Amino acid sequence: TGIEGLIHISELSEERVEKPEDIVKKGDAV
């Protein structure tokens, strides 16, 4: 609660990611 962390675009996938929302959407559990 109140503590957030950042998953940088470069850490979302082994593949090149153009848009973060293509991999994760708001509300998704990751």
PDB file of all heavy atoms in Angstrom:
ATOM      1  N   THR A   1       0.848  -1.198   0.000  1.00  0.00           N
ATOM      2  CA  THR A   1       0.000   0.000   0.000  1.00  0.00           C
ATOM      3  C   THR A   1       0.885   1.249   0.000  1.00  0.00           C
ATOM      4  O   THR A   1       1.660   1.484   0.927  1.00  0.00           O
ATOM      5  CB  THR A   1      -0.908   0.025   1.241  1.00  0.00           C
ATOM      6  OG1 THR A   1      -1.680  -1.174   1.262  1.00  0.00           O
ATOM      7  CG2 THR A   1      -1.833   1.239   1.217  1.00  0.00           C
ATOM      8  N   GLY A   2       0.775   2.004  -1.070  1.00  0.00           N
ATOM      9  CA  GLY A   2       1.549   3.240  -1.186  1.00  0.00           C
ATOM     10  C   GLY A   2       2.942   3.064  -1.712  1.00  0.00           C
ATOM     11  O   GLY A   2       3.646   4.061  -1.931  1.00  0.00           O
ATOM     12  N   ILE A   3       3.393   1.820  -1.917  1.00  0.00           N
ATOM     13  CA  ILE A   3       4.742   1.577  -2.422  1.00  0.00           C
ATOM     14  C   ILE A   3       4.642   0.941  -3.807  1.00  0.00           C
ATOM     15  O   ILE A   3       4.006  -0.097  -3.980  1.00  0.00           O
ATOM     16  CB  ILE A   3       5.539   0.667  -1.478  1.00  0.00           C
ATOM     17  CG1 ILE A   3       5.725   1.372  -0.123  1.00  0.00           C
ATOM     18  CG2 ILE A   3       6.886   0.310  -2.082  1.00  0.00           C
ATOM     19  CD1 ILE A   3       6.502   0.562   0.882  1.00  0.00           C
ATOM     20  N   GLU A   4       5.245   1.649  -4.746  1.00  0.00           N
ATOM     21  CA  GLU A   4       5.195   1.185  -6.128  1.00  0.00           C
ATOM     22  C   GLU A   4       6.585   0.861  -6.644  1.00  0.00           C
ATOM     23  O   GLU A   4       7.587   1.382  -6.133  1.00  0.00           O
ATOM     24  CB  GLU A   4       4.550   2.244  -7.027  1.00  0.00           C
ATOM     25  CG  GLU A   4       3.088   2.536  -6.695  1.00  0.00           C
ATOM     26  CD  GLU A   4       2.506   3.631  -7.581  1.00  0.00           C
ATOM     27  OE1 GLU A   4       3.282   4.237  -8.371  1.00  0.00           O
ATOM     28  OE2 GLU A   4       1.291   3.900  -7.487  1.00  0.00           O
ATOM     29  N   GLY A   5       6.614   0.007  -7.670  1.00  0.00           N
ATOM     30  CA  GLY A   5       7.861  -0.291  -8.349  1.00  0.00           C
ATOM     31  C   GLY A   5       7.673  -0.124  -9.847  1.00  0.00           C
ATOM     32  O   GLY A   5       6.548  -0.160 -10.355  1.00  0.00           O
ATOM     33  N   LEU A   6       8.764   0.081 -10.565  1.00  0.00           N
ATOM     34  CA  LEU A   6       8.696   0.313 -12.009  1.00  0.00           C
ATOM     35  C   LEU A   6       9.318  -0.860 -12.774  1.00  0.00           C
ATOM     36  O   LEU A   6      10.456  -1.255 -12.487  1.00  0.00           O
ATOM     37  CB  LEU A   6       9.431   1.600 -12.373  1.00  0.00           C
ATOM     38  CG  LEU A   6       9.614   1.873 -13.869  1.00  0.00           C
ATOM     39  CD1 LEU A   6       8.259   2.076 -14.564  1.00  0.00           C
ATOM     40  CD2 LEU A   6      10.526   3.073 -14.099  1.00  0.00           C
ATOM     41  N   ILE A   7       8.524  -1.379 -13.740  1.00  0.00           N
ATOM     42  CA  ILE A   7       9.054  -2.357 -14.708  1.00  0.00           C
ATOM     43  C   ILE A   7       9.343  -1.566 -15.972  1.00  0.00           C
ATOM     44  O   ILE A   7       8.410  -1.130 -16.664  1.00  0.00           O
ATOM     45  CB  ILE A   7       8.048  -3.476 -15.005  1.00  0.00           C
ATOM     46  CG1 ILE A   7       7.600  -4.159 -13.703  1.00  0.00           C
ATOM     47  CG2 ILE A   7       8.662  -4.505 -15.949  1.00  0.00           C
ATOM     48  CD1 ILE A   7       6.462  -5.139 -13.894  1.00  0.00           C
ATOM     49  N   HIS A   8      10.611  -1.295 -16.231  1.00  0.00           N
ATOM     50  CA  HIS A   8      10.975  -0.500 -17.399  1.00  0.00           C
ATOM     51  C   HIS A   8      10.584  -1.247 -18.668  1.00  0.00           C
ATOM     52  O   HIS A   8      10.510  -2.483 -18.692  1.00  0.00           O
ATOM     53  CB  HIS A   8      12.477  -0.193 -17.385  1.00  0.00           C
ATOM     54  CG  HIS A   8      12.861   0.870 -18.370  1.00  0.00           C
ATOM     55  ND1 HIS A   8      13.303   0.564 -19.631  1.00  0.00           N
ATOM     56  CD2 HIS A   8      12.861   2.222 -18.264  1.00  0.00           C
ATOM     57  CE1 HIS A   8      13.579   1.684 -20.271  1.00  0.00           C
ATOM     58  NE2 HIS A   8      13.316   2.726 -19.454  1.00  0.00           N
ATOM     59  N   ILE A   9      10.341  -0.530 -19.758  1.00  0.00           N
ATOM     60  CA  ILE A   9       9.936  -1.112 -21.035  1.00  0.00           C
ATOM     61  C   ILE A   9      10.929  -2.177 -21.512  1.00  0.00           C
ATOM     62  O   ILE A   9      10.551  -3.179 -22.135  1.00  0.00           O
ATOM     63  CB  ILE A   9       9.760  -0.009 -22.106  1.00  0.00           C
ATOM     64  CG1 ILE A   9       9.131  -0.587 -23.376  1.00  0.00           C
ATOM     65  CG2 ILE A   9      11.074   0.720 -22.380  1.00  0.00           C
ATOM     66  CD1 ILE A   9       8.745   0.486 -24.394  1.00  0.00           C
ATOM     67  N   SER A  10      12.204  -1.938 -21.124  1.00  0.00           N
ATOM     68  CA  SER A  10      13.244  -2.903 -21.558  1.00  0.00           C
ATOM     69  C   SER A  10      13.195  -4.203 -20.757  1.00  0.00           C
ATOM     70  O   SER A  10      13.851  -5.183 -21.108  1.00  0.00           O
ATOM     71  CB  SER A  10      14.621  -2.265 -21.435  1.00  0.00           C
ATOM     72  OG  SER A  10      14.888  -1.934 -20.081  1.00  0.00           O
ATOM     73  N   GLU A  11      12.423  -4.211 -19.622  1.00  0.00           N
ATOM     74  CA  GLU A  11      12.340  -5.382 -18.768  1.00  0.00           C
ATOM     75  C   GLU A  11      10.987  -6.089 -18.877  1.00  0.00           C
ATOM     76  O   GLU A  11      10.686  -6.992 -18.090  1.00  0.00           O
ATOM     77  CB  GLU A  11      12.586  -4.972 -17.302  1.00  0.00           C
ATOM     78  CG  GLU A  11      13.941  -4.383 -17.025  1.00  0.00           C
ATOM     79  CD  GLU A  11      15.062  -5.376 -17.243  1.00  0.00           C
ATOM     80  OE1 GLU A  11      14.822  -6.598 -17.091  1.00  0.00           O
ATOM     81  OE2 GLU A  11      16.188  -4.928 -17.562  1.00  0.00           O
ATOM     82  N   LEU A  12      10.200  -5.695 -19.874  1.00  0.00           N
ATOM     83  CA  LEU A  12       8.874  -6.316 -20.029  1.00  0.00           C
ATOM     84  C   LEU A  12       8.958  -7.664 -20.760  1.00  0.00           C
ATOM     85  O   LEU A  12       8.175  -8.581 -20.498  1.00  0.00           O
ATOM     86  CB  LEU A  12       7.932  -5.374 -20.789  1.00  0.00           C
ATOM     87  CG  LEU A  12       7.471  -4.121 -20.023  1.00  0.00           C
ATOM     88  CD1 LEU A  12       6.657  -3.220 -20.932  1.00  0.00           C
ATOM     89  CD2 LEU A  12       6.667  -4.484 -18.788  1.00  0.00           C
ATOM     90  N   SER A  13       9.902  -7.799 -21.702  1.00  0.00           N
ATOM     91  CA  SER A  13       9.977  -9.022 -22.519  1.00  0.00           C
ATOM     92  C   SER A  13      11.352  -9.134 -23.140  1.00  0.00           C
ATOM     93  O   SER A  13      12.092  -8.130 -23.240  1.00  0.00           O
ATOM     94  CB  SER A  13       8.902  -8.984 -23.623  1.00  0.00           C
ATOM     95  OG  SER A  13       9.051 -10.091 -24.491  1.00  0.00           O
ATOM     96  N   GLU A  14      11.675 -10.386 -23.518  1.00  0.00           N
ATOM     97  CA  GLU A  14      12.922 -10.602 -24.236  1.00  0.00           C
ATOM     98  C   GLU A  14      12.859  -9.987 -25.619  1.00  0.00           C
ATOM     99  O   GLU A  14      13.883  -9.619 -26.195  1.00  0.00           O
ATOM    100  CB  GLU A  14      13.202 -12.120 -24.352  1.00  0.00           C
ATOM    101  CG  GLU A  14      13.498 -12.798 -23.029  1.00  0.00           C
ATOM    102  CD  GLU A  14      14.848 -12.385 -22.462  1.00  0.00           C
ATOM    103  OE1 GLU A  14      15.651 -11.749 -23.182  1.00  0.00           O
ATOM    104  OE2 GLU A  14      15.103 -12.671 -21.278  1.00  0.00           O
ATOM    105  N   GLU A  15      11.628  -9.899 -26.140  1.00  0.00           N
ATOM    106  CA  GLU A  15      11.417  -9.298 -27.454  1.00  0.00           C
ATOM    107  C   GLU A  15      11.409  -7.768 -27.332  1.00  0.00           C
ATOM    108  O   GLU A  15      11.185  -7.217 -26.255  1.00  0.00           O
ATOM    109  CB  GLU A  15      10.091  -9.781 -28.046  1.00  0.00           C
ATOM    110  CG  GLU A  15       9.936 -11.278 -28.153  1.00  0.00           C
ATOM    111  CD  GLU A  15      10.907 -11.870 -29.154  1.00  0.00           C
ATOM    112  OE1 GLU A  15      11.261 -11.163 -30.127  1.00  0.00           O
ATOM    113  OE2 GLU A  15      11.314 -13.030 -28.948  1.00  0.00           O
ATOM    114  N   ARG A  16      11.642  -7.123 -28.470  1.00  0.00           N
ATOM    115  CA  ARG A  16      11.588  -5.661 -28.488  1.00  0.00           C
ATOM    116  C   ARG A  16      10.141  -5.217 -28.294  1.00  0.00           C
ATOM    117  O   ARG A  16       9.229  -5.694 -28.980  1.00  0.00           O
ATOM    118  CB  ARG A  16      12.141  -5.119 -29.797  1.00  0.00           C
ATOM    119  CG  ARG A  16      12.089  -3.591 -29.893  1.00  0.00           C
ATOM    120  CD  ARG A  16      12.680  -3.115 -31.202  1.00  0.00           C
ATOM    121  NE  ARG A  16      12.583  -1.676 -31.316  1.00  0.00           N
ATOM    122  CZ  ARG A  16      13.416  -0.802 -30.774  1.00  0.00           C
ATOM    123  NH1 ARG A  16      14.417  -1.250 -30.022  1.00  0.00           N
ATOM    124  NH2 ARG A  16      13.268   0.494 -30.938  1.00  0.00           N
ATOM    125  N   VAL A  17       9.918  -4.337 -27.407  1.00  0.00           N
ATOM    126  CA  VAL A  17       8.569  -3.843 -27.108  1.00  0.00           C
ATOM    127  C   VAL A  17       8.475  -2.379 -27.546  1.00  0.00           C
ATOM    128  O   VAL A  17       9.275  -1.543 -27.125  1.00  0.00           O
ATOM    129  CB  VAL A  17       8.256  -3.950 -25.604  1.00  0.00           C
ATOM    130  CG1 VAL A  17       6.856  -3.398 -25.314  1.00  0.00           C
ATOM    131  CG2 VAL A  17       8.374  -5.395 -25.136  1.00  0.00           C
ATOM    132  N   GLU A  18       7.491  -2.102 -28.400  1.00  0.00           N
ATOM    133  CA  GLU A  18       7.277  -0.724 -28.872  1.00  0.00           C
ATOM    134  C   GLU A  18       6.366   0.025 -27.908  1.00  0.00           C
ATOM    135  O   GLU A  18       6.594   1.188 -27.594  1.00  0.00           O
ATOM    136  CB  GLU A  18       6.648  -0.742 -30.270  1.00  0.00           C
ATOM    137  CG  GLU A  18       7.532  -1.346 -31.350  1.00  0.00           C
ATOM    138  CD  GLU A  18       8.760  -0.493 -31.618  1.00  0.00           C
ATOM    139  OE1 GLU A  18       8.731   0.738 -31.318  1.00  0.00           O
ATOM    140  OE2 GLU A  18       9.769  -1.037 -32.115  1.00  0.00           O
ATOM    141  N   LYS A  19       5.320  -0.699 -27.473  1.00  0.00           N
ATOM    142  CA  LYS A  19       4.359  -0.073 -26.575  1.00  0.00           C
ATOM    143  C   LYS A  19       4.151  -0.981 -25.362  1.00  0.00           C
ATOM    144  O   LYS A  19       3.762  -2.135 -25.524  1.00  0.00           O
ATOM    145  CB  LYS A  19       3.022   0.164 -27.273  1.00  0.00           C
ATOM    146  CG  LYS A  19       3.088   1.179 -28.408  1.00  0.00           C
ATOM    147  CD  LYS A  19       1.722   1.354 -29.036  1.00  0.00           C
ATOM    148  CE  LYS A  19       1.755   2.376 -30.179  1.00  0.00           C
ATOM    149  NZ  LYS A  19       0.420   2.544 -30.789  1.00  0.00           N
ATOM    150  N   PRO A  20       4.364  -0.452 -24.124  1.00  0.00           N
ATOM    151  CA  PRO A  20       4.165  -1.258 -22.912  1.00  0.00           C
ATOM    152  C   PRO A  20       2.761  -1.848 -22.809  1.00  0.00           C
ATOM    153  O   PRO A  20       2.579  -2.963 -22.318  1.00  0.00           O
ATOM    154  CB  PRO A  20       4.440  -0.270 -21.782  1.00  0.00           C
ATOM    155  CG  PRO A  20       5.373   0.717 -22.376  1.00  0.00           C
ATOM    156  CD  PRO A  20       4.928   0.889 -23.797  1.00  0.00           C
ATOM    157  N   GLU A  21       1.739  -1.072 -23.282  1.00  0.00           N
ATOM    158  CA  GLU A  21       0.358  -1.555 -23.166  1.00  0.00           C
ATOM    159  C   GLU A  21       0.104  -2.798 -24.033  1.00  0.00           C
ATOM    160  O   GLU A  21      -0.907  -3.488 -23.849  1.00  0.00           O
ATOM    161  CB  GLU A  21      -0.646  -0.455 -23.504  1.00  0.00           C
ATOM    162  CG  GLU A  21      -0.496   0.139 -24.885  1.00  0.00           C
ATOM    163  CD  GLU A  21       0.337   1.399 -24.874  1.00  0.00           C
ATOM    164  OE1 GLU A  21       1.223   1.519 -23.987  1.00  0.00           O
ATOM    165  OE2 GLU A  21       0.111   2.266 -25.729  1.00  0.00           O
ATOM    166  N   ASP A  22       1.032  -3.086 -24.988  1.00  0.00           N
ATOM    167  CA  ASP A  22       0.873  -4.316 -25.774  1.00  0.00           C
ATOM    168  C   ASP A  22       1.197  -5.547 -24.926  1.00  0.00           C
ATOM    169  O   ASP A  22       0.762  -6.665 -25.237  1.00  0.00           O
ATOM    170  CB  ASP A  22       1.806  -4.295 -27.001  1.00  0.00           C
ATOM    171  CG  ASP A  22       1.394  -3.223 -28.000  1.00  0.00           C
ATOM    172  OD1 ASP A  22       0.215  -2.801 -27.954  1.00  0.00           O
ATOM    173  OD2 ASP A  22       2.249  -2.790 -28.800  1.00  0.00           O
ATOM    174  N   ILE A  23       1.977  -5.356 -23.864  1.00  0.00           N
ATOM    175  CA  ILE A  23       2.388  -6.467 -23.010  1.00  0.00           C
ATOM    176  C   ILE A  23       1.544  -6.513 -21.726  1.00  0.00           C
ATOM    177  O   ILE A  23       1.055  -7.566 -21.317  1.00  0.00           O
ATOM    178  CB  ILE A  23       3.885  -6.362 -22.656  1.00  0.00           C
ATOM    179  CG1 ILE A  23       4.744  -6.219 -23.913  1.00  0.00           C
ATOM    180  CG2 ILE A  23       4.335  -7.552 -21.799  1.00  0.00           C
ATOM    181  CD1 ILE A  23       4.642  -7.436 -24.854  1.00  0.00           C
ATOM    182  N   VAL A  24       1.390  -5.330 -21.084  1.00  0.00           N
ATOM    183  CA  VAL A  24       0.665  -5.259 -19.801  1.00  0.00           C
ATOM    184  C   VAL A  24      -0.345  -4.132 -19.872  1.00  0.00           C
ATOM    185  O   VAL A  24      -0.061  -3.044 -20.373  1.00  0.00           O
ATOM    186  CB  VAL A  24       1.632  -5.002 -18.628  1.00  0.00           C
ATOM    187  CG1 VAL A  24       0.845  -4.921 -17.309  1.00  0.00           C
ATOM    188  CG2 VAL A  24       2.683  -6.080 -18.539  1.00  0.00           C
ATOM    189  N   LYS A  25      -1.506  -4.421 -19.324  1.00  0.00           N
ATOM    190  CA  LYS A  25      -2.553  -3.393 -19.250  1.00  0.00           C
ATOM    191  C   LYS A  25      -2.831  -3.078 -17.794  1.00  0.00           C
ATOM    192  O   LYS A  25      -2.585  -3.899 -16.903  1.00  0.00           O
ATOM    193  CB  LYS A  25      -3.812  -3.872 -19.954  1.00  0.00           C
ATOM    194  CG  LYS A  25      -3.636  -3.979 -21.472  1.00  0.00           C
ATOM    195  CD  LYS A  25      -4.917  -4.419 -22.129  1.00  0.00           C
ATOM    196  CE  LYS A  25      -4.824  -4.352 -23.642  1.00  0.00           C
ATOM    197  NZ  LYS A  25      -3.651  -4.998 -24.211  1.00  0.00           N
ATOM    198  N   LYS A  26      -3.366  -1.936 -17.559  1.00  0.00           N
ATOM    199  CA  LYS A  26      -3.701  -1.498 -16.204  1.00  0.00           C
ATOM    200  C   LYS A  26      -4.668  -2.507 -15.582  1.00  0.00           C
ATOM    201  O   LYS A  26      -5.668  -2.894 -16.189  1.00  0.00           O
ATOM    202  CB  LYS A  26      -4.342  -0.101 -16.217  1.00  0.00           C
ATOM    203  CG  LYS A  26      -4.652   0.439 -14.821  1.00  0.00           C
ATOM    204  CD  LYS A  26      -5.257   1.838 -14.907  1.00  0.00           C
ATOM    205  CE  LYS A  26      -5.590   2.351 -13.508  1.00  0.00           C
ATOM    206  NZ  LYS A  26      -6.210   3.677 -13.522  1.00  0.00           N
ATOM    207  N   GLY A  27      -4.343  -2.945 -14.362  1.00  0.00           N
ATOM    208  CA  GLY A  27      -5.181  -3.926 -13.665  1.00  0.00           C
ATOM    209  C   GLY A  27      -4.680  -5.349 -13.785  1.00  0.00           C
ATOM    210  O   GLY A  27      -5.132  -6.220 -13.029  1.00  0.00           O
ATOM    211  N   ASP A  28      -3.780  -5.577 -14.724  1.00  0.00           N
ATOM    212  CA  ASP A  28      -3.233  -6.926 -14.884  1.00  0.00           C
ATOM    213  C   ASP A  28      -2.372  -7.294 -13.684  1.00  0.00           C
ATOM    214  O   ASP A  28      -1.691  -6.437 -13.101  1.00  0.00           O
ATOM    215  CB  ASP A  28      -2.373  -7.018 -16.149  1.00  0.00           C
ATOM    216  CG  ASP A  28      -3.203  -6.986 -17.426  1.00  0.00           C
ATOM    217  OD1 ASP A  28      -4.438  -7.047 -17.298  1.00  0.00           O
ATOM    218  OD2 ASP A  28      -2.607  -6.868 -18.511  1.00  0.00           O
ATOM    219  N   ALA A  29      -2.383  -8.560 -13.312  1.00  0.00           N
ATOM    220  CA  ALA A  29      -1.479  -9.082 -12.282  1.00  0.00           C
ATOM    221  C   ALA A  29      -0.259  -9.646 -12.988  1.00  0.00           C
ATOM    222  O   ALA A  29      -0.371 -10.457 -13.913  1.00  0.00           O
ATOM    223  CB  ALA A  29      -2.185 -10.157 -11.458  1.00  0.00           C
ATOM    224  N   VAL A  30       0.898  -9.172 -12.569  1.00  0.00           N
ATOM    225  CA  VAL A  30       2.128  -9.589 -13.235  1.00  0.00           C
ATOM    226  C   VAL A  30       3.116 -10.124 -12.207  1.00  0.00           C
ATOM    227  O   VAL A  30       3.077  -9.766 -11.028  1.00  0.00           O
ATOM    228  CB  VAL A  30       2.766  -8.423 -14.009  1.00  0.00           C
ATOM    229  CG1 VAL A  30       1.861  -7.935 -15.131  1.00  0.00           C
ATOM    230  CG2 VAL A  30       3.096  -7.260 -13.069  1.00  0.00           C
TER     231      VAL A  30
END
